[in-house]
Amino acid sequence: LAKRRHIGLVWGVWVAPEARGQGLGQRLLEAVIDAARADGLTQLQLGVGATNLVALALYRRVGFVVTGFEEAALCVDGAFLDEHMMTLRLTPH
């Protein structure tokens, strides 16, 4: 959609368990943010499981803020999980 070309979507960030705790997730996100800015995007959006506190902390650390909440956004193995929607503004509006 032309009306949403300024928004990028971050989807499926994952670091293998044996590689966690080394700052790889943060470096990956910083590279994504740099690429989004270079492409002229003005914001990035993502969804993260409400109970995934490690991921929430990472996204906050790189500048994302919670902008919404969706109950039962995901169904994993028959269990419904809530999700926070997060946004990072890359340029002022």
PDB file of N, CA and C in Angstrom:
ATOM      1  N   LEU A   1       0.816  -1.190   0.000  1.00  0.00           N
ATOM      2  CA  LEU A   1       0.000   0.000   0.000  1.00  0.00           C
ATOM      3  C   LEU A   1       0.864   1.259   0.000  1.00  0.00           C
ATOM      4  N   ALA A   2       0.559   2.145  -0.874  1.00  0.00           N
ATOM      5  CA  ALA A   2       1.330   3.377  -0.995  1.00  0.00           C
ATOM      6  C   ALA A   2       1.280   4.205   0.284  1.00  0.00           C
ATOM      7  N   LYS A   3       0.170   4.160   0.985  1.00  0.00           N
ATOM      8  CA  LYS A   3       0.002   4.966   2.192  1.00  0.00           C
ATOM      9  C   LYS A   3       0.883   4.502   3.350  1.00  0.00           C
ATOM     10  N   ARG A   4       1.427   3.290   3.253  1.00  0.00           N
ATOM     11  CA  ARG A   4       2.235   2.738   4.349  1.00  0.00           C
ATOM     12  C   ARG A   4       3.672   2.433   3.938  1.00  0.00           C
ATOM     13  N   ARG A   5       4.106   2.991   2.831  1.00  0.00           N
ATOM     14  CA  ARG A   5       5.472   2.729   2.350  1.00  0.00           C
ATOM     15  C   ARG A   5       6.553   3.236   3.289  1.00  0.00           C
ATOM     16  N   HIS A   6       6.213   4.150   4.162  1.00  0.00           N
ATOM     17  CA  HIS A   6       7.188   4.738   5.084  1.00  0.00           C
ATOM     18  C   HIS A   6       7.441   3.858   6.316  1.00  0.00           C
ATOM     19  N   ILE A   7       6.686   2.755   6.433  1.00  0.00           N
ATOM     20  CA  ILE A   7       6.765   1.902   7.619  1.00  0.00           C
ATOM     21  C   ILE A   7       7.400   0.562   7.257  1.00  0.00           C
ATOM     22  N   GLY A   8       8.376   0.164   8.066  1.00  0.00           N
ATOM     23  CA  GLY A   8       8.982  -1.154   7.912  1.00  0.00           C
ATOM     24  C   GLY A   8       8.486  -2.082   9.015  1.00  0.00           C
ATOM     25  N   LEU A   9       8.433  -3.375   8.737  1.00  0.00           N
ATOM     26  CA  LEU A   9       7.986  -4.371   9.699  1.00  0.00           C
ATOM     27  C   LEU A   9       9.150  -5.284  10.058  1.00  0.00           C
ATOM     28  N   VAL A  10       9.422  -5.377  11.346  1.00  0.00           N
ATOM     29  CA  VAL A  10      10.444  -6.307  11.849  1.00  0.00           C
ATOM     30  C   VAL A  10       9.704  -7.585  12.219  1.00  0.00           C
ATOM     31  N   TRP A  11      10.144  -8.702  11.632  1.00  0.00           N
ATOM     32  CA  TRP A  11       9.425  -9.952  11.815  1.00  0.00           C
ATOM     33  C   TRP A  11      10.392 -11.095  12.087  1.00  0.00           C
ATOM     34  N   GLY A  12      10.142 -11.849  13.123  1.00  0.00           N
ATOM     35  CA  GLY A  12      10.872 -13.087  13.359  1.00  0.00           C
ATOM     36  C   GLY A  12      12.322 -12.930  13.795  1.00  0.00           C
ATOM     37  N   VAL A  13      12.598 -12.022  14.719  1.00  0.00           N
ATOM     38  CA  VAL A  13      13.966 -11.898  15.245  1.00  0.00           C
ATOM     39  C   VAL A  13      14.225 -13.088  16.158  1.00  0.00           C
ATOM     40  N   TRP A  14      15.326 -13.770  15.919  1.00  0.00           N
ATOM     41  CA  TRP A  14      15.641 -14.961  16.698  1.00  0.00           C
ATOM     42  C   TRP A  14      17.147 -15.171  16.700  1.00  0.00           C
ATOM     43  N   VAL A  15      17.677 -15.507  17.860  1.00  0.00           N
ATOM     44  CA  VAL A  15      19.095 -15.851  18.004  1.00  0.00           C
ATOM     45  C   VAL A  15      19.156 -17.250  18.608  1.00  0.00           C
ATOM     46  N   ALA A  16      19.970 -18.097  18.019  1.00  0.00           N
ATOM     47  CA  ALA A  16      20.116 -19.472  18.513  1.00  0.00           C
ATOM     48  C   ALA A  16      20.508 -19.469  19.988  1.00  0.00           C
ATOM     49  N   PRO A  17      19.964 -20.392  20.773  1.00  0.00           N
ATOM     50  CA  PRO A  17      20.241 -20.411  22.220  1.00  0.00           C
ATOM     51  C   PRO A  17      21.725 -20.387  22.567  1.00  0.00           C
ATOM     52  N   GLU A  18      22.534 -21.103  21.807  1.00  0.00           N
ATOM     53  CA  GLU A  18      23.973 -21.150  22.129  1.00  0.00           C
ATOM     54  C   GLU A  18      24.690 -19.839  21.823  1.00  0.00           C
ATOM     55  N   ALA A  19      24.045 -18.942  21.081  1.00  0.00           N
ATOM     56  CA  ALA A  19      24.667 -17.658  20.727  1.00  0.00           C
ATOM     57  C   ALA A  19      24.090 -16.485  21.515  1.00  0.00           C
ATOM     58  N   ARG A  20      23.154 -16.760  22.388  1.00  0.00           N
ATOM     59  CA  ARG A  20      22.517 -15.681  23.157  1.00  0.00           C
ATOM     60  C   ARG A  20      23.453 -15.123  24.216  1.00  0.00           C
ATOM     61  N   GLY A  21      23.178 -13.887  24.612  1.00  0.00           N
ATOM     62  CA  GLY A  21      23.973 -13.240  25.660  1.00  0.00           C
ATOM     63  C   GLY A  21      25.252 -12.611  25.154  1.00  0.00           C
ATOM     64  N   GLN A  22      25.408 -12.511  23.838  1.00  0.00           N
ATOM     65  CA  GLN A  22      26.622 -11.949  23.256  1.00  0.00           C
ATOM     66  C   GLN A  22      26.369 -10.630  22.529  1.00  0.00           C
ATOM     67  N   GLY A  23      25.145 -10.120  22.623  1.00  0.00           N
ATOM     68  CA  GLY A  23      24.817  -8.861  21.968  1.00  0.00           C
ATOM     69  C   GLY A  23      24.466  -8.995  20.496  1.00  0.00           C
ATOM     70  N   LEU A  24      24.284 -10.226  20.016  1.00  0.00           N
ATOM     71  CA  LEU A  24      23.987 -10.419  18.597  1.00  0.00           C
ATOM     72  C   LEU A  24      22.623  -9.859  18.211  1.00  0.00           C
ATOM     73  N   GLY A  25      21.624 -10.047  19.062  1.00  0.00           N
ATOM     74  CA  GLY A  25      20.298  -9.524  18.782  1.00  0.00           C
ATOM     75  C   GLY A  25      20.309  -8.014  18.647  1.00  0.00           C
ATOM     76  N   GLN A  26      21.022  -7.345  19.540  1.00  0.00           N
ATOM     77  CA  GLN A  26      21.106  -5.892  19.466  1.00  0.00           C
ATOM     78  C   GLN A  26      21.836  -5.439  18.213  1.00  0.00           C
ATOM     79  N   ARG A  27      22.926  -6.100  17.884  1.00  0.00           N
ATOM     80  CA  ARG A  27      23.661  -5.728  16.663  1.00  0.00           C
ATOM     81  C   ARG A  27      22.826  -5.975  15.415  1.00  0.00           C
ATOM     82  N   LEU A  28      22.070  -7.058  15.406  1.00  0.00           N
ATOM     83  CA  LEU A  28      21.180  -7.349  14.285  1.00  0.00           C
ATOM     84  C   LEU A  28      20.132  -6.245  14.137  1.00  0.00           C
ATOM     85  N   LEU A  29      19.497  -5.877  15.237  1.00  0.00           N
ATOM     86  CA  LEU A  29      18.490  -4.817  15.181  1.00  0.00           C
ATOM     87  C   LEU A  29      19.088  -3.480  14.769  1.00  0.00           C
ATOM     88  N   GLU A  30      20.273  -3.173  15.259  1.00  0.00           N
ATOM     89  CA  GLU A  30      20.924  -1.921  14.859  1.00  0.00           C
ATOM     90  C   GLU A  30      21.198  -1.902  13.362  1.00  0.00           C
ATOM     91  N   ALA A  31      21.567  -3.039  12.792  1.00  0.00           N
ATOM     92  CA  ALA A  31      21.774  -3.119  11.335  1.00  0.00           C
ATOM     93  C   ALA A  31      20.460  -2.926  10.585  1.00  0.00           C
ATOM     94  N   VAL A  32      19.388  -3.505  11.093  1.00  0.00           N
ATOM     95  CA  VAL A  32      18.068  -3.337  10.480  1.00  0.00           C
ATOM     96  C   VAL A  32      17.647  -1.870  10.536  1.00  0.00           C
ATOM     97  N   ILE A  33      17.863  -1.231  11.675  1.00  0.00           N
ATOM     98  CA  ILE A  33      17.512   0.186  11.842  1.00  0.00           C
ATOM     99  C   ILE A  33      18.313   1.047  10.873  1.00  0.00           C
ATOM    100  N   ASP A  34      19.599   0.794  10.760  1.00  0.00           N
ATOM    101  CA  ASP A  34      20.441   1.544   9.809  1.00  0.00           C
ATOM    102  C   ASP A  34      19.952   1.361   8.375  1.00  0.00           C
ATOM    103  N   ALA A  35      19.612   0.122   8.009  1.00  0.00           N
ATOM    104  CA  ALA A  35      19.124  -0.150   6.651  1.00  0.00           C
ATOM    105  C   ALA A  35      17.789   0.541   6.404  1.00  0.00           C
ATOM    106  N   ALA A  36      16.912   0.546   7.406  1.00  0.00           N
ATOM    107  CA  ALA A  36      15.612   1.206   7.265  1.00  0.00           C
ATOM    108  C   ALA A  36      15.790   2.706   7.053  1.00  0.00           C
ATOM    109  N   ARG A  37      16.683   3.314   7.805  1.00  0.00           N
ATOM    110  CA  ARG A  37      16.950   4.746   7.627  1.00  0.00           C
ATOM    111  C   ARG A  37      17.514   5.010   6.231  1.00  0.00           C
ATOM    112  N   ALA A  38      18.440   4.175   5.793  1.00  0.00           N
ATOM    113  CA  ALA A  38      19.045   4.351   4.473  1.00  0.00           C
ATOM    114  C   ALA A  38      18.007   4.210   3.364  1.00  0.00           C
ATOM    115  N   ASP A  39      16.972   3.398   3.592  1.00  0.00           N
ATOM    116  CA  ASP A  39      15.904   3.220   2.612  1.00  0.00           C
ATOM    117  C   ASP A  39      14.826   4.295   2.700  1.00  0.00           C
ATOM    118  N   GLY A  40      14.991   5.237   3.636  1.00  0.00           N
ATOM    119  CA  GLY A  40      14.045   6.338   3.748  1.00  0.00           C
ATOM    120  C   GLY A  40      12.800   6.040   4.564  1.00  0.00           C
ATOM    121  N   LEU A  41      12.793   4.938   5.308  1.00  0.00           N
ATOM    122  CA  LEU A  41      11.639   4.648   6.157  1.00  0.00           C
ATOM    123  C   LEU A  41      11.615   5.607   7.340  1.00  0.00           C
ATOM    124  N   THR A  42      10.420   5.902   7.832  1.00  0.00           N
ATOM    125  CA  THR A  42      10.309   6.819   8.963  1.00  0.00           C
ATOM    126  C   THR A  42       9.971   6.109  10.265  1.00  0.00           C
ATOM    127  N   GLN A  43       9.564   4.853  10.173  1.00  0.00           N
ATOM    128  CA  GLN A  43       9.326   4.102  11.397  1.00  0.00           C
ATOM    129  C   GLN A  43       9.370   2.598  11.138  1.00  0.00           C
ATOM    130  N   LEU A  44       9.649   1.886  12.216  1.00  0.00           N
ATOM    131  CA  LEU A  44       9.623   0.427  12.201  1.00  0.00           C
ATOM    132  C   LEU A  44       8.589  -0.035  13.219  1.00  0.00           C
ATOM    133  N   GLN A  45       7.929  -1.139  12.916  1.00  0.00           N
ATOM    134  CA  GLN A  45       6.948  -1.712  13.823  1.00  0.00           C
ATOM    135  C   GLN A  45       7.240  -3.194  14.017  1.00  0.00           C
ATOM    136  N   LEU A  46       6.811  -3.709  15.159  1.00  0.00           N
ATOM    137  CA  LEU A  46       6.952  -5.135  15.441  1.00  0.00           C
ATOM    138  C   LEU A  46       5.926  -5.540  16.482  1.00  0.00           C
ATOM    139  N   GLY A  47       5.737  -6.832  16.596  1.00  0.00           N
ATOM    140  CA  GLY A  47       4.928  -7.409  17.661  1.00  0.00           C
ATOM    141  C   GLY A  47       5.803  -8.369  18.447  1.00  0.00           C
ATOM    142  N   VAL A  48       5.592  -8.408  19.756  1.00  0.00           N
ATOM    143  CA  VAL A  48       6.381  -9.296  20.609  1.00  0.00           C
ATOM    144  C   VAL A  48       5.477  -9.878  21.685  1.00  0.00           C
ATOM    145  N   GLY A  49       5.656 -11.160  21.955  1.00  0.00           N
ATOM    146  CA  GLY A  49       4.866 -11.823  22.984  1.00  0.00           C
ATOM    147  C   GLY A  49       4.961 -11.080  24.308  1.00  0.00           C
ATOM    148  N   ALA A  50       3.821 -10.872  24.944  1.00  0.00           N
ATOM    149  CA  ALA A  50       3.770 -10.073  26.172  1.00  0.00           C
ATOM    150  C   ALA A  50       4.589 -10.673  27.305  1.00  0.00           C
ATOM    151  N   THR A  51       4.819 -11.970  27.281  1.00  0.00           N
ATOM    152  CA  THR A  51       5.602 -12.603  28.347  1.00  0.00           C
ATOM    153  C   THR A  51       7.085 -12.737  27.997  1.00  0.00           C
ATOM    154  N   ASN A  52       7.479 -12.310  26.805  1.00  0.00           N
ATOM    155  CA  ASN A  52       8.871 -12.425  26.372  1.00  0.00           C
ATOM    156  C   ASN A  52       9.645 -11.202  26.871  1.00  0.00           C
ATOM    157  N   LEU A  53       9.965 -11.208  28.154  1.00  0.00           N
ATOM    158  CA  LEU A  53      10.585 -10.052  28.796  1.00  0.00           C
ATOM    159  C   LEU A  53      11.973  -9.740  28.261  1.00  0.00           C
ATOM    160  N   VAL A  54      12.720 -10.759  27.866  1.00  0.00           N
ATOM    161  CA  VAL A  54      14.061 -10.539  27.312  1.00  0.00           C
ATOM    162  C   VAL A  54      13.957  -9.771  25.994  1.00  0.00           C
ATOM    163  N   ALA A  55      13.052 -10.190  25.126  1.00  0.00           N
ATOM    164  CA  ALA A  55      12.873  -9.503  23.842  1.00  0.00           C
ATOM    165  C   ALA A  55      12.336  -8.086  24.056  1.00  0.00           C
ATOM    166  N   LEU A  56      11.367  -7.929  24.955  1.00  0.00           N
ATOM    167  CA  LEU A  56      10.842  -6.588  25.249  1.00  0.00           C
ATOM    168  C   LEU A  56      11.965  -5.650  25.688  1.00  0.00           C
ATOM    169  N   ALA A  57      12.840  -6.135  26.558  1.00  0.00           N
ATOM    170  CA  ALA A  57      13.952  -5.310  27.038  1.00  0.00           C
ATOM    171  C   ALA A  57      14.897  -4.947  25.891  1.00  0.00           C
ATOM    172  N   LEU A  58      15.171  -5.901  25.018  1.00  0.00           N
ATOM    173  CA  LEU A  58      16.040  -5.635  23.869  1.00  0.00           C
ATOM    174  C   LEU A  58      15.431  -4.564  22.976  1.00  0.00           C
ATOM    175  N   TYR A  59      14.160  -4.720  22.632  1.00  0.00           N
ATOM    176  CA  TYR A  59      13.518  -3.746  21.744  1.00  0.00           C
ATOM    177  C   TYR A  59      13.487  -2.361  22.384  1.00  0.00           C
ATOM    178  N   ARG A  60      13.232  -2.292  23.668  1.00  0.00           N
ATOM    179  CA  ARG A  60      13.267  -0.994  24.363  1.00  0.00           C
ATOM    180  C   ARG A  60      14.671  -0.399  24.334  1.00  0.00           C
ATOM    181  N   ARG A  61      15.677  -1.239  24.513  1.00  0.00           N
ATOM    182  CA  ARG A  61      17.064  -0.778  24.534  1.00  0.00           C
ATOM    183  C   ARG A  61      17.453  -0.089  23.230  1.00  0.00           C
ATOM    184  N   VAL A  62      16.922  -0.555  22.100  1.00  0.00           N
ATOM    185  CA  VAL A  62      17.268   0.062  20.813  1.00  0.00           C
ATOM    186  C   VAL A  62      16.297   1.169  20.426  1.00  0.00           C
ATOM    187  N   GLY A  63      15.304   1.457  21.307  1.00  0.00           N
ATOM    188  CA  GLY A  63      14.459   2.618  21.092  1.00  0.00           C
ATOM    189  C   GLY A  63      12.996   2.374  20.788  1.00  0.00           C
ATOM    190  N   PHE A  64      12.564   1.114  20.673  1.00  0.00           N
ATOM    191  CA  PHE A  64      11.145   0.838  20.435  1.00  0.00           C
ATOM    192  C   PHE A  64      10.333   1.175  21.685  1.00  0.00           C
ATOM    193  N   VAL A  65       9.093   1.619  21.469  1.00  0.00           N
ATOM    194  CA  VAL A  65       8.159   1.859  22.565  1.00  0.00           C
ATOM    195  C   VAL A  65       6.879   1.077  22.296  1.00  0.00           C
ATOM    196  N   VAL A  66       6.224   0.652  23.366  1.00  0.00           N
ATOM    197  CA  VAL A  66       4.957  -0.065  23.236  1.00  0.00           C
ATOM    198  C   VAL A  66       3.885   0.926  22.806  1.00  0.00           C
ATOM    199  N   THR A  67       3.182   0.591  21.730  1.00  0.00           N
ATOM    200  CA  THR A  67       2.135   1.457  21.201  1.00  0.00           C
ATOM    201  C   THR A  67       0.774   0.770  21.160  1.00  0.00           C
ATOM    202  N   GLY A  68       0.727  -0.493  21.563  1.00  0.00           N
ATOM    203  CA  GLY A  68      -0.546  -1.193  21.563  1.00  0.00           C
ATOM    204  C   GLY A  68      -0.423  -2.565  22.195  1.00  0.00           C
ATOM    205  N   PHE A  69      -1.573  -3.191  22.365  1.00  0.00           N
ATOM    206  CA  PHE A  69      -1.642  -4.508  22.990  1.00  0.00           C
ATOM    207  C   PHE A  69      -2.765  -5.288  22.320  1.00  0.00           C
ATOM    208  N   GLU A  70      -2.504  -6.538  21.997  1.00  0.00           N
ATOM    209  CA  GLU A  70      -3.520  -7.378  21.390  1.00  0.00           C
ATOM    210  C   GLU A  70      -3.646  -8.678  22.178  1.00  0.00           C
ATOM    211  N   GLU A  71      -4.825  -8.916  22.718  1.00  0.00           N
ATOM    212  CA  GLU A  71      -5.077 -10.162  23.431  1.00  0.00           C
ATOM    213  C   GLU A  71      -5.204 -11.306  22.434  1.00  0.00           C
ATOM    214  N   ALA A  72      -4.674 -12.445  22.814  1.00  0.00           N
ATOM    215  CA  ALA A  72      -4.783 -13.668  22.007  1.00  0.00           C
ATOM    216  C   ALA A  72      -4.338 -13.439  20.566  1.00  0.00           C
ATOM    217  N   ALA A  73      -3.254 -12.711  20.400  1.00  0.00           N
ATOM    218  CA  ALA A  73      -2.742 -12.392  19.063  1.00  0.00           C
ATOM    219  C   ALA A  73      -2.122 -13.599  18.382  1.00  0.00           C
ATOM    220  N   LEU A  74      -1.596 -14.515  19.162  1.00  0.00           N
ATOM    221  CA  LEU A  74      -0.920 -15.692  18.628  1.00  0.00           C
ATOM    222  C   LEU A  74      -1.542 -16.943  19.232  1.00  0.00           C
ATOM    223  N   CYS A  75      -1.514 -18.029  18.463  1.00  0.00           N
ATOM    224  CA  CYS A  75      -1.938 -19.328  18.979  1.00  0.00           C
ATOM    225  C   CYS A  75      -0.792 -20.297  18.745  1.00  0.00           C
ATOM    226  N   VAL A  76      -0.149 -20.705  19.825  1.00  0.00           N
ATOM    227  CA  VAL A  76       1.008 -21.600  19.744  1.00  0.00           C
ATOM    228  C   VAL A  76       0.648 -22.900  20.458  1.00  0.00           C
ATOM    229  N   ASP A  77       0.621 -23.989  19.703  1.00  0.00           N
ATOM    230  CA  ASP A  77       0.274 -25.304  20.256  1.00  0.00           C
ATOM    231  C   ASP A  77      -1.040 -25.267  21.034  1.00  0.00           C
ATOM    232  N   GLY A  78      -2.012 -24.534  20.515  1.00  0.00           N
ATOM    233  CA  GLY A  78      -3.328 -24.454  21.132  1.00  0.00           C
ATOM    234  C   GLY A  78      -3.460 -23.446  22.256  1.00  0.00           C
ATOM    235  N   ALA A  79      -2.361 -22.793  22.620  1.00  0.00           N
ATOM    236  CA  ALA A  79      -2.398 -21.777  23.685  1.00  0.00           C
ATOM    237  C   ALA A  79      -2.386 -20.386  23.060  1.00  0.00           C
ATOM    238  N   PHE A  80      -3.289 -19.540  23.521  1.00  0.00           N
ATOM    239  CA  PHE A  80      -3.354 -18.178  23.015  1.00  0.00           C
ATOM    240  C   PHE A  80      -2.420 -17.279  23.807  1.00  0.00           C
ATOM    241  N   LEU A  81      -1.658 -16.465  23.079  1.00  0.00           N
ATOM    242  CA  LEU A  81      -0.674 -15.577  23.693  1.00  0.00           C
ATOM    243  C   LEU A  81      -0.969 -14.137  23.318  1.00  0.00           C
ATOM    244  N   ASP A  82      -0.818 -13.250  24.299  1.00  0.00           N
ATOM    245  CA  ASP A  82      -0.991 -11.821  24.063  1.00  0.00           C
ATOM    246  C   ASP A  82       0.277 -11.249  23.447  1.00  0.00           C
ATOM    247  N   GLU A  83       0.129 -10.102  22.798  1.00  0.00           N
ATOM    248  CA  GLU A  83       1.266  -9.496  22.103  1.00  0.00           C
ATOM    249  C   GLU A  83       1.259  -7.976  22.290  1.00  0.00           C
ATOM    250  N   HIS A  84       2.443  -7.430  22.530  1.00  0.00           N
ATOM    251  CA  HIS A  84       2.632  -5.978  22.538  1.00  0.00           C
ATOM    252  C   HIS A  84       3.005  -5.543  21.125  1.00  0.00           C
ATOM    253  N   MET A  85       2.419  -4.454  20.657  1.00  0.00           N
ATOM    254  CA  MET A  85       2.833  -3.824  19.408  1.00  0.00           C
ATOM    255  C   MET A  85       3.826  -2.734  19.790  1.00  0.00           C
ATOM    256  N   MET A  86       4.925  -2.647  19.048  1.00  0.00           N
ATOM    257  CA  MET A  86       5.966  -1.664  19.364  1.00  0.00           C
ATOM    258  C   MET A  86       6.345  -0.894  18.105  1.00  0.00           C
ATOM    259  N   THR A  87       6.737   0.354  18.309  1.00  0.00           N
ATOM    260  CA  THR A  87       7.124   1.224  17.209  1.00  0.00           C
ATOM    261  C   THR A  87       8.419   1.938  17.541  1.00  0.00           C
ATOM    262  N   LEU A  88       9.252   2.090  16.526  1.00  0.00           N
ATOM    263  CA  LEU A  88      10.457   2.915  16.620  1.00  0.00           C
ATOM    264  C   LEU A  88      10.352   3.990  15.548  1.00  0.00           C
ATOM    265  N   ARG A  89      10.280   5.243  15.968  1.00  0.00           N
ATOM    266  CA  ARG A  89      10.249   6.346  15.011  1.00  0.00           C
ATOM    267  C   ARG A  89      11.687   6.668  14.590  1.00  0.00           C
ATOM    268  N   LEU A  90      11.919   6.666  13.302  1.00  0.00           N
ATOM    269  CA  LEU A  90      13.261   6.892  12.773  1.00  0.00           C
ATOM    270  C   LEU A  90      13.498   8.370  12.445  1.00  0.00           C
ATOM    271  N   THR A  91      12.417   9.096  12.204  1.00  0.00           N
ATOM    272  CA  THR A  91      12.504  10.525  11.930  1.00  0.00           C
ATOM    273  C   THR A  91      11.342  11.193  12.652  1.00  0.00           C
ATOM    274  N   PRO A  92      11.491  12.469  13.016  1.00  0.00           N
ATOM    275  CA  PRO A  92      10.383  13.159  13.675  1.00  0.00           C
ATOM    276  C   PRO A  92       9.214  13.346  12.692  1.00  0.00           C
ATOM    277  N   HIS A  93       8.016  13.377  13.222  1.00  0.00           N
ATOM    278  CA  HIS A  93       6.816  13.580  12.390  1.00  0.00           C
ATOM    279  C   HIS A  93       6.396  15.030  12.484  1.00  0.00           C
TER     280      HIS A  93
END
